[in-house]
N, C-alpha and C. Protein backbone atom coordinates (compact mmCIF):
# COMPACT_ATOMS: atom_id res chain seq x y z
N UNK A 1 -50.72 -18.03 39.67
CA UNK A 1 -51.64 -19.06 39.31
C UNK A 1 -53.10 -18.49 39.36
N UNK A 2 -53.80 -18.57 38.27
CA UNK A 2 -55.15 -18.11 38.24
C UNK A 2 -56.08 -18.93 39.18
N UNK A 3 -57.06 -18.22 39.64
CA UNK A 3 -58.10 -18.90 40.52
C UNK A 3 -59.50 -18.52 40.01
N UNK A 4 -60.42 -19.47 40.34
CA UNK A 4 -61.81 -19.15 40.04
C UNK A 4 -62.40 -18.54 41.32
N UNK A 5 -63.06 -17.38 41.14
CA UNK A 5 -63.68 -16.65 42.30
C UNK A 5 -65.16 -16.98 42.43
N UNK A 6 -65.77 -17.52 41.39
CA UNK A 6 -67.13 -18.02 41.48
C UNK A 6 -67.48 -18.91 40.29
N UNK A 7 -68.48 -19.70 40.40
CA UNK A 7 -68.96 -20.59 39.31
C UNK A 7 -70.44 -20.92 39.64
N UNK A 8 -71.25 -20.84 38.62
CA UNK A 8 -72.68 -21.14 38.84
C UNK A 8 -73.25 -21.79 37.55
N UNK A 9 -74.10 -22.85 37.76
CA UNK A 9 -74.93 -23.37 36.67
C UNK A 9 -76.17 -22.58 36.69
N UNK A 10 -76.70 -22.22 35.53
CA UNK A 10 -77.97 -21.45 35.48
C UNK A 10 -78.72 -21.80 34.18
N UNK A 11 -79.93 -21.35 34.11
CA UNK A 11 -80.78 -21.64 32.90
C UNK A 11 -80.22 -20.88 31.73
N UNK A 12 -79.89 -19.61 31.90
CA UNK A 12 -79.35 -18.80 30.85
C UNK A 12 -78.60 -17.57 31.35
N UNK A 13 -77.84 -16.95 30.45
CA UNK A 13 -77.14 -15.70 30.85
C UNK A 13 -77.67 -14.56 30.05
N UNK A 14 -77.43 -13.38 30.57
CA UNK A 14 -77.82 -12.15 29.91
C UNK A 14 -76.71 -11.12 30.05
N UNK A 15 -76.07 -10.84 28.88
CA UNK A 15 -74.98 -9.88 29.01
C UNK A 15 -75.46 -8.47 29.35
N UNK A 16 -74.80 -7.88 30.31
CA UNK A 16 -75.09 -6.52 30.73
C UNK A 16 -73.85 -5.68 30.41
N UNK A 17 -73.93 -4.42 30.52
CA UNK A 17 -72.71 -3.55 30.27
C UNK A 17 -71.65 -3.92 31.32
N UNK A 18 -70.50 -4.36 30.77
CA UNK A 18 -69.38 -4.78 31.60
C UNK A 18 -69.67 -5.86 32.63
N UNK A 19 -70.73 -6.68 32.41
CA UNK A 19 -71.09 -7.72 33.38
C UNK A 19 -71.87 -8.84 32.66
N UNK A 20 -72.04 -9.93 33.30
CA UNK A 20 -72.84 -11.12 32.86
C UNK A 20 -73.76 -11.36 33.93
N UNK A 21 -75.08 -11.45 33.63
CA UNK A 21 -76.12 -11.82 34.59
C UNK A 21 -76.48 -13.26 34.44
N UNK A 22 -76.44 -14.04 35.50
CA UNK A 22 -76.88 -15.43 35.46
C UNK A 22 -78.42 -15.45 35.89
N UNK A 23 -79.24 -16.07 35.06
CA UNK A 23 -80.66 -16.09 35.30
C UNK A 23 -81.06 -17.56 35.69
N UNK A 24 -81.76 -17.60 36.84
CA UNK A 24 -82.29 -18.82 37.34
C UNK A 24 -81.21 -19.88 37.65
N UNK A 25 -80.40 -19.64 38.69
CA UNK A 25 -79.41 -20.61 39.05
C UNK A 25 -79.94 -21.98 39.23
N UNK A 26 -79.11 -22.98 38.97
CA UNK A 26 -79.53 -24.37 39.05
C UNK A 26 -78.70 -25.13 40.06
N UNK A 27 -79.31 -25.90 40.93
CA UNK A 27 -78.55 -26.85 41.77
C UNK A 27 -78.80 -28.26 41.36
N UNK A 28 -79.73 -28.44 40.38
CA UNK A 28 -80.00 -29.74 39.80
C UNK A 28 -80.59 -29.56 38.38
N UNK A 29 -80.30 -30.47 37.47
CA UNK A 29 -80.90 -30.45 36.17
C UNK A 29 -81.94 -31.52 36.13
N UNK A 30 -83.15 -31.17 35.81
CA UNK A 30 -84.26 -32.15 35.69
C UNK A 30 -84.68 -32.32 34.22
N UNK A 31 -84.57 -33.54 33.77
CA UNK A 31 -84.99 -33.89 32.37
C UNK A 31 -86.24 -34.74 32.49
N UNK A 32 -87.02 -34.77 31.46
CA UNK A 32 -88.25 -35.59 31.41
C UNK A 32 -87.97 -37.02 31.64
N UNK A 33 -87.03 -37.58 30.84
CA UNK A 33 -86.63 -38.96 30.92
C UNK A 33 -85.20 -39.10 30.39
N UNK A 34 -84.57 -40.19 30.63
CA UNK A 34 -83.26 -40.42 30.10
C UNK A 34 -83.30 -41.43 28.97
N UNK A 35 -82.63 -41.17 27.89
CA UNK A 35 -81.88 -39.94 27.60
C UNK A 35 -82.82 -38.76 27.32
N UNK A 36 -82.32 -37.56 27.58
CA UNK A 36 -83.08 -36.32 27.40
C UNK A 36 -82.17 -35.19 27.02
N UNK A 37 -82.73 -34.16 26.54
CA UNK A 37 -81.97 -32.97 26.17
C UNK A 37 -82.26 -31.79 27.11
N UNK A 38 -81.24 -30.97 27.35
CA UNK A 38 -81.40 -29.84 28.25
C UNK A 38 -80.44 -28.77 27.83
N UNK A 39 -80.90 -27.49 27.92
CA UNK A 39 -80.04 -26.33 27.64
C UNK A 39 -79.77 -25.61 28.97
N UNK A 40 -78.55 -25.17 29.12
CA UNK A 40 -78.20 -24.51 30.39
C UNK A 40 -76.92 -23.70 30.05
N UNK A 41 -76.52 -22.90 31.07
CA UNK A 41 -75.35 -22.04 30.96
C UNK A 41 -74.52 -22.18 32.23
N UNK A 42 -73.24 -21.80 32.08
CA UNK A 42 -72.40 -21.67 33.27
C UNK A 42 -71.79 -20.26 33.18
N UNK A 43 -71.61 -19.64 34.38
CA UNK A 43 -71.03 -18.39 34.55
C UNK A 43 -69.92 -18.52 35.62
N UNK A 44 -68.76 -17.93 35.28
CA UNK A 44 -67.61 -18.04 36.22
C UNK A 44 -66.75 -16.83 36.07
N UNK A 45 -65.94 -16.60 37.09
CA UNK A 45 -64.97 -15.49 37.16
C UNK A 45 -63.58 -16.04 37.41
N UNK A 46 -62.62 -15.51 36.68
CA UNK A 46 -61.24 -15.82 36.84
C UNK A 46 -60.47 -14.64 37.38
N UNK A 47 -59.57 -14.82 38.35
CA UNK A 47 -58.78 -13.80 38.94
C UNK A 47 -57.33 -14.26 39.07
N UNK A 48 -56.47 -13.31 39.28
CA UNK A 48 -55.08 -13.64 39.64
C UNK A 48 -54.16 -14.11 38.53
N UNK A 49 -54.55 -13.77 37.24
CA UNK A 49 -53.68 -14.10 36.15
C UNK A 49 -52.96 -12.87 35.69
N UNK A 50 -51.82 -13.11 34.93
CA UNK A 50 -51.00 -12.03 34.49
C UNK A 50 -51.67 -11.37 33.21
N UNK A 51 -52.11 -10.07 33.30
CA UNK A 51 -52.82 -9.45 32.15
C UNK A 51 -51.89 -9.10 31.00
N UNK A 52 -50.56 -9.27 31.23
CA UNK A 52 -49.63 -8.91 30.19
C UNK A 52 -49.19 -10.07 29.37
N UNK A 53 -49.85 -11.21 29.59
CA UNK A 53 -49.62 -12.40 28.83
C UNK A 53 -50.91 -12.91 28.25
N UNK A 54 -50.85 -13.54 27.04
CA UNK A 54 -52.05 -14.12 26.47
C UNK A 54 -52.33 -15.49 27.20
N UNK A 55 -53.58 -15.75 27.36
CA UNK A 55 -54.05 -17.01 28.09
C UNK A 55 -55.13 -17.63 27.23
N UNK A 56 -55.30 -18.97 27.46
CA UNK A 56 -56.45 -19.63 26.82
C UNK A 56 -57.02 -20.64 27.78
N UNK A 57 -58.23 -21.04 27.46
CA UNK A 57 -58.88 -22.00 28.31
C UNK A 57 -59.98 -22.72 27.60
N UNK A 58 -60.57 -23.69 28.27
CA UNK A 58 -61.74 -24.41 27.70
C UNK A 58 -62.47 -25.16 28.81
N UNK A 59 -63.65 -25.65 28.49
CA UNK A 59 -64.45 -26.28 29.49
C UNK A 59 -64.79 -27.68 28.99
N UNK A 60 -64.79 -28.68 29.91
CA UNK A 60 -65.26 -30.04 29.56
C UNK A 60 -66.45 -30.37 30.52
N UNK A 61 -67.52 -30.90 29.88
CA UNK A 61 -68.69 -31.31 30.66
C UNK A 61 -68.73 -32.85 30.49
N UNK A 62 -68.69 -33.57 31.59
CA UNK A 62 -68.62 -35.07 31.53
C UNK A 62 -69.74 -35.72 32.29
N UNK A 63 -70.15 -36.93 31.81
CA UNK A 63 -71.19 -37.67 32.44
C UNK A 63 -70.69 -38.36 33.72
N UNK A 64 -71.59 -39.11 34.46
CA UNK A 64 -71.20 -39.74 35.65
C UNK A 64 -70.04 -40.78 35.48
N UNK A 65 -69.89 -41.30 34.31
CA UNK A 65 -68.83 -42.26 34.05
C UNK A 65 -67.51 -41.64 33.57
N UNK A 66 -67.48 -40.27 33.47
CA UNK A 66 -66.29 -39.57 33.07
C UNK A 66 -66.20 -39.36 31.63
N UNK A 67 -67.23 -39.85 30.81
CA UNK A 67 -67.21 -39.68 29.33
C UNK A 67 -67.52 -38.16 29.04
N UNK A 68 -66.66 -37.64 28.18
CA UNK A 68 -66.90 -36.25 27.77
C UNK A 68 -68.20 -36.10 26.92
N UNK A 69 -69.09 -35.27 27.42
CA UNK A 69 -70.32 -34.96 26.66
C UNK A 69 -70.11 -33.74 25.78
N UNK A 70 -69.39 -32.76 26.30
CA UNK A 70 -69.07 -31.51 25.51
C UNK A 70 -67.64 -31.09 25.86
N UNK A 71 -66.88 -30.72 24.87
CA UNK A 71 -65.61 -29.99 25.16
C UNK A 71 -65.75 -28.76 24.33
N UNK A 72 -65.64 -27.57 24.95
CA UNK A 72 -65.82 -26.31 24.27
C UNK A 72 -64.58 -26.02 23.41
N UNK A 73 -64.81 -25.11 22.49
CA UNK A 73 -63.64 -24.57 21.74
C UNK A 73 -62.87 -23.73 22.77
N UNK A 74 -61.59 -23.52 22.49
CA UNK A 74 -60.75 -22.71 23.34
C UNK A 74 -61.15 -21.28 23.31
N UNK A 75 -61.19 -20.60 24.46
CA UNK A 75 -61.41 -19.20 24.53
C UNK A 75 -60.00 -18.53 24.83
N UNK A 76 -59.78 -17.30 24.29
CA UNK A 76 -58.50 -16.67 24.50
C UNK A 76 -58.72 -15.36 25.17
N UNK A 77 -57.86 -15.05 26.19
CA UNK A 77 -57.79 -13.74 26.84
C UNK A 77 -56.48 -13.13 26.30
N UNK A 78 -56.69 -12.11 25.50
CA UNK A 78 -55.54 -11.40 24.91
C UNK A 78 -54.83 -10.54 25.93
N UNK A 79 -53.51 -10.46 25.71
CA UNK A 79 -52.68 -9.57 26.69
C UNK A 79 -53.08 -8.12 26.55
N UNK A 80 -52.94 -7.46 27.69
CA UNK A 80 -53.24 -6.04 27.76
C UNK A 80 -51.88 -5.28 27.73
N UNK A 81 -51.82 -4.19 26.93
CA UNK A 81 -50.58 -3.47 26.81
C UNK A 81 -50.53 -2.19 27.58
N UNK A 82 -51.60 -1.91 28.36
CA UNK A 82 -51.55 -0.63 29.08
C UNK A 82 -50.86 -0.75 30.40
N UNK A 83 -51.04 0.21 31.30
CA UNK A 83 -50.31 0.30 32.55
C UNK A 83 -50.21 -1.02 33.23
N UNK A 84 -49.16 -1.07 34.00
CA UNK A 84 -48.90 -2.33 34.83
C UNK A 84 -50.13 -2.47 35.82
N UNK A 85 -50.63 -3.68 35.83
CA UNK A 85 -51.79 -3.91 36.64
C UNK A 85 -51.42 -5.03 37.61
N UNK A 86 -51.72 -4.94 38.89
CA UNK A 86 -51.41 -6.02 39.82
C UNK A 86 -52.25 -7.25 39.46
N UNK A 87 -51.60 -8.39 39.22
CA UNK A 87 -52.35 -9.63 38.81
C UNK A 87 -53.48 -10.01 39.80
N UNK A 88 -53.27 -9.65 41.07
CA UNK A 88 -54.33 -10.00 42.03
C UNK A 88 -55.60 -9.18 41.76
N UNK A 89 -55.51 -8.05 41.07
CA UNK A 89 -56.63 -7.21 40.78
C UNK A 89 -57.19 -7.51 39.41
N UNK A 90 -56.58 -8.37 38.66
CA UNK A 90 -57.00 -8.67 37.33
C UNK A 90 -58.07 -9.74 37.38
N UNK A 91 -59.18 -9.56 36.59
CA UNK A 91 -60.22 -10.51 36.66
C UNK A 91 -61.14 -10.41 35.38
N UNK A 92 -61.80 -11.46 35.11
CA UNK A 92 -62.75 -11.51 34.00
C UNK A 92 -63.86 -12.50 34.36
N UNK A 93 -65.10 -12.05 33.97
CA UNK A 93 -66.28 -12.96 34.08
C UNK A 93 -66.69 -13.44 32.75
N UNK A 94 -67.07 -14.70 32.61
CA UNK A 94 -67.52 -15.18 31.40
C UNK A 94 -68.76 -16.06 31.51
N UNK A 95 -69.56 -16.12 30.50
CA UNK A 95 -70.72 -16.98 30.46
C UNK A 95 -70.68 -17.89 29.25
N UNK A 96 -70.97 -19.15 29.40
CA UNK A 96 -70.97 -20.06 28.30
C UNK A 96 -72.32 -20.81 28.23
N UNK A 97 -72.93 -20.85 27.08
CA UNK A 97 -74.20 -21.50 26.90
C UNK A 97 -74.01 -22.84 26.30
N UNK A 98 -74.71 -23.88 26.87
CA UNK A 98 -74.73 -25.27 26.34
C UNK A 98 -76.19 -25.54 25.92
N UNK A 99 -76.36 -25.64 24.57
CA UNK A 99 -77.74 -25.74 24.03
C UNK A 99 -78.02 -27.13 23.60
N UNK A 100 -79.26 -27.66 24.03
CA UNK A 100 -79.72 -28.90 23.57
C UNK A 100 -78.76 -30.11 23.80
N UNK A 101 -78.16 -30.15 25.00
CA UNK A 101 -77.18 -31.10 25.40
C UNK A 101 -77.90 -32.47 25.64
N UNK A 102 -77.40 -33.54 25.02
CA UNK A 102 -77.90 -34.90 25.27
C UNK A 102 -77.33 -35.47 26.54
N UNK A 103 -78.23 -35.65 27.46
CA UNK A 103 -77.92 -36.31 28.76
C UNK A 103 -78.48 -37.72 28.78
N UNK A 104 -77.56 -38.69 28.66
CA UNK A 104 -77.95 -40.06 28.43
C UNK A 104 -78.42 -40.78 29.69
N UNK A 105 -78.11 -40.25 30.84
CA UNK A 105 -78.45 -41.01 32.09
C UNK A 105 -78.54 -40.00 33.22
N UNK A 106 -79.31 -40.31 34.27
CA UNK A 106 -79.25 -39.50 35.50
C UNK A 106 -77.92 -39.76 36.20
N UNK A 107 -77.61 -38.86 37.08
CA UNK A 107 -76.35 -39.05 37.90
C UNK A 107 -75.67 -37.74 38.13
N UNK A 108 -74.46 -37.82 38.70
CA UNK A 108 -73.68 -36.64 38.96
C UNK A 108 -72.74 -36.31 37.82
N UNK A 109 -73.08 -35.21 37.08
CA UNK A 109 -72.29 -34.75 35.96
C UNK A 109 -71.28 -33.78 36.51
N UNK A 110 -70.17 -33.60 35.72
CA UNK A 110 -69.03 -32.73 36.21
C UNK A 110 -68.61 -31.77 35.09
N UNK A 111 -68.26 -30.60 35.52
CA UNK A 111 -67.69 -29.55 34.65
C UNK A 111 -66.33 -29.28 35.12
N UNK A 112 -65.32 -29.42 34.23
CA UNK A 112 -63.92 -29.13 34.52
C UNK A 112 -63.58 -27.84 33.74
N UNK A 113 -62.87 -26.95 34.37
CA UNK A 113 -62.42 -25.71 33.70
C UNK A 113 -60.95 -25.70 33.61
N UNK A 114 -60.42 -25.55 32.40
CA UNK A 114 -58.98 -25.51 32.14
C UNK A 114 -58.50 -24.10 31.70
N UNK A 115 -57.41 -23.74 32.29
CA UNK A 115 -56.86 -22.35 31.95
C UNK A 115 -55.34 -22.61 31.74
N UNK A 116 -54.86 -22.24 30.57
CA UNK A 116 -53.48 -22.44 30.16
C UNK A 116 -53.11 -23.94 30.35
N UNK A 117 -53.99 -24.80 29.92
CA UNK A 117 -53.80 -26.28 29.92
C UNK A 117 -53.72 -26.93 31.33
N UNK A 118 -54.11 -26.19 32.34
CA UNK A 118 -54.18 -26.72 33.69
C UNK A 118 -55.57 -26.68 34.19
N UNK A 119 -56.00 -27.80 34.80
CA UNK A 119 -57.35 -27.82 35.39
C UNK A 119 -57.36 -26.95 36.67
N UNK A 120 -58.21 -25.96 36.66
CA UNK A 120 -58.23 -25.06 37.84
C UNK A 120 -59.55 -25.16 38.57
N UNK A 121 -60.52 -25.92 38.08
CA UNK A 121 -61.74 -26.08 38.82
C UNK A 121 -62.54 -27.21 38.36
N UNK A 122 -63.34 -27.86 39.31
CA UNK A 122 -64.24 -28.95 39.02
C UNK A 122 -65.50 -28.76 39.77
N UNK A 123 -66.61 -28.80 39.10
CA UNK A 123 -67.91 -28.54 39.68
C UNK A 123 -68.92 -29.56 39.26
N UNK A 124 -69.70 -30.04 40.14
CA UNK A 124 -70.68 -31.07 39.84
C UNK A 124 -72.13 -30.59 39.95
N UNK A 125 -72.92 -31.28 39.16
CA UNK A 125 -74.32 -30.98 39.22
C UNK A 125 -75.17 -32.30 39.00
N UNK A 126 -76.13 -32.55 39.87
CA UNK A 126 -76.91 -33.82 39.66
C UNK A 126 -77.85 -33.65 38.48
N UNK A 127 -78.05 -34.71 37.73
CA UNK A 127 -79.06 -34.76 36.63
C UNK A 127 -80.04 -35.83 37.09
N UNK A 128 -81.33 -35.45 37.19
CA UNK A 128 -82.36 -36.39 37.53
C UNK A 128 -83.44 -36.36 36.51
N UNK A 129 -84.24 -37.43 36.42
CA UNK A 129 -85.42 -37.47 35.58
C UNK A 129 -86.63 -37.06 36.40
N UNK A 130 -87.57 -36.46 35.70
CA UNK A 130 -88.83 -36.06 36.34
C UNK A 130 -89.51 -37.25 37.02
N UNK A 131 -89.44 -38.44 36.33
CA UNK A 131 -90.07 -39.61 36.86
C UNK A 131 -89.36 -40.00 38.15
N UNK A 132 -88.00 -39.89 38.20
CA UNK A 132 -87.28 -40.26 39.38
C UNK A 132 -87.62 -39.34 40.59
N UNK A 133 -87.77 -38.05 40.29
CA UNK A 133 -88.15 -37.07 41.27
C UNK A 133 -89.53 -37.40 41.86
N UNK A 134 -90.48 -37.71 41.00
CA UNK A 134 -91.82 -38.06 41.46
C UNK A 134 -91.81 -39.33 42.27
N UNK A 135 -90.96 -40.31 41.97
CA UNK A 135 -90.88 -41.53 42.70
C UNK A 135 -89.86 -41.42 43.83
N UNK A 136 -89.24 -40.24 44.05
CA UNK A 136 -88.29 -39.95 45.11
C UNK A 136 -87.04 -40.85 44.95
N UNK A 137 -86.54 -41.02 43.70
CA UNK A 137 -85.37 -41.81 43.48
C UNK A 137 -84.17 -40.90 43.31
């Protein structure tokens, strides 16, 4: 069963040779007012999957009411045909950018990660308005 070894919300990603750099990690998304638009990225690592089988996955970003804001296209990890590799040592890091996302309300938004049609992770991030922060709401 595959596992997530890390997950981070960030302002953007920068591909490096054989790696992905997450820039300006976020623990909250602040928009001017609601509704508002915001661009951000997520970076995550998957481990413990069989490299000799093809796998697919996708991400769902949902609002505080559970309504899907974004569902990504499926990504595919193609099988590897070289030497046998221990699945515990198999891993991949990925970055996904979400551009100009409409956030209709403040609250606790959720990102669900699916791998081979099974939900393997759920991560939340608060969305607040600048006005609410200034009023301490």
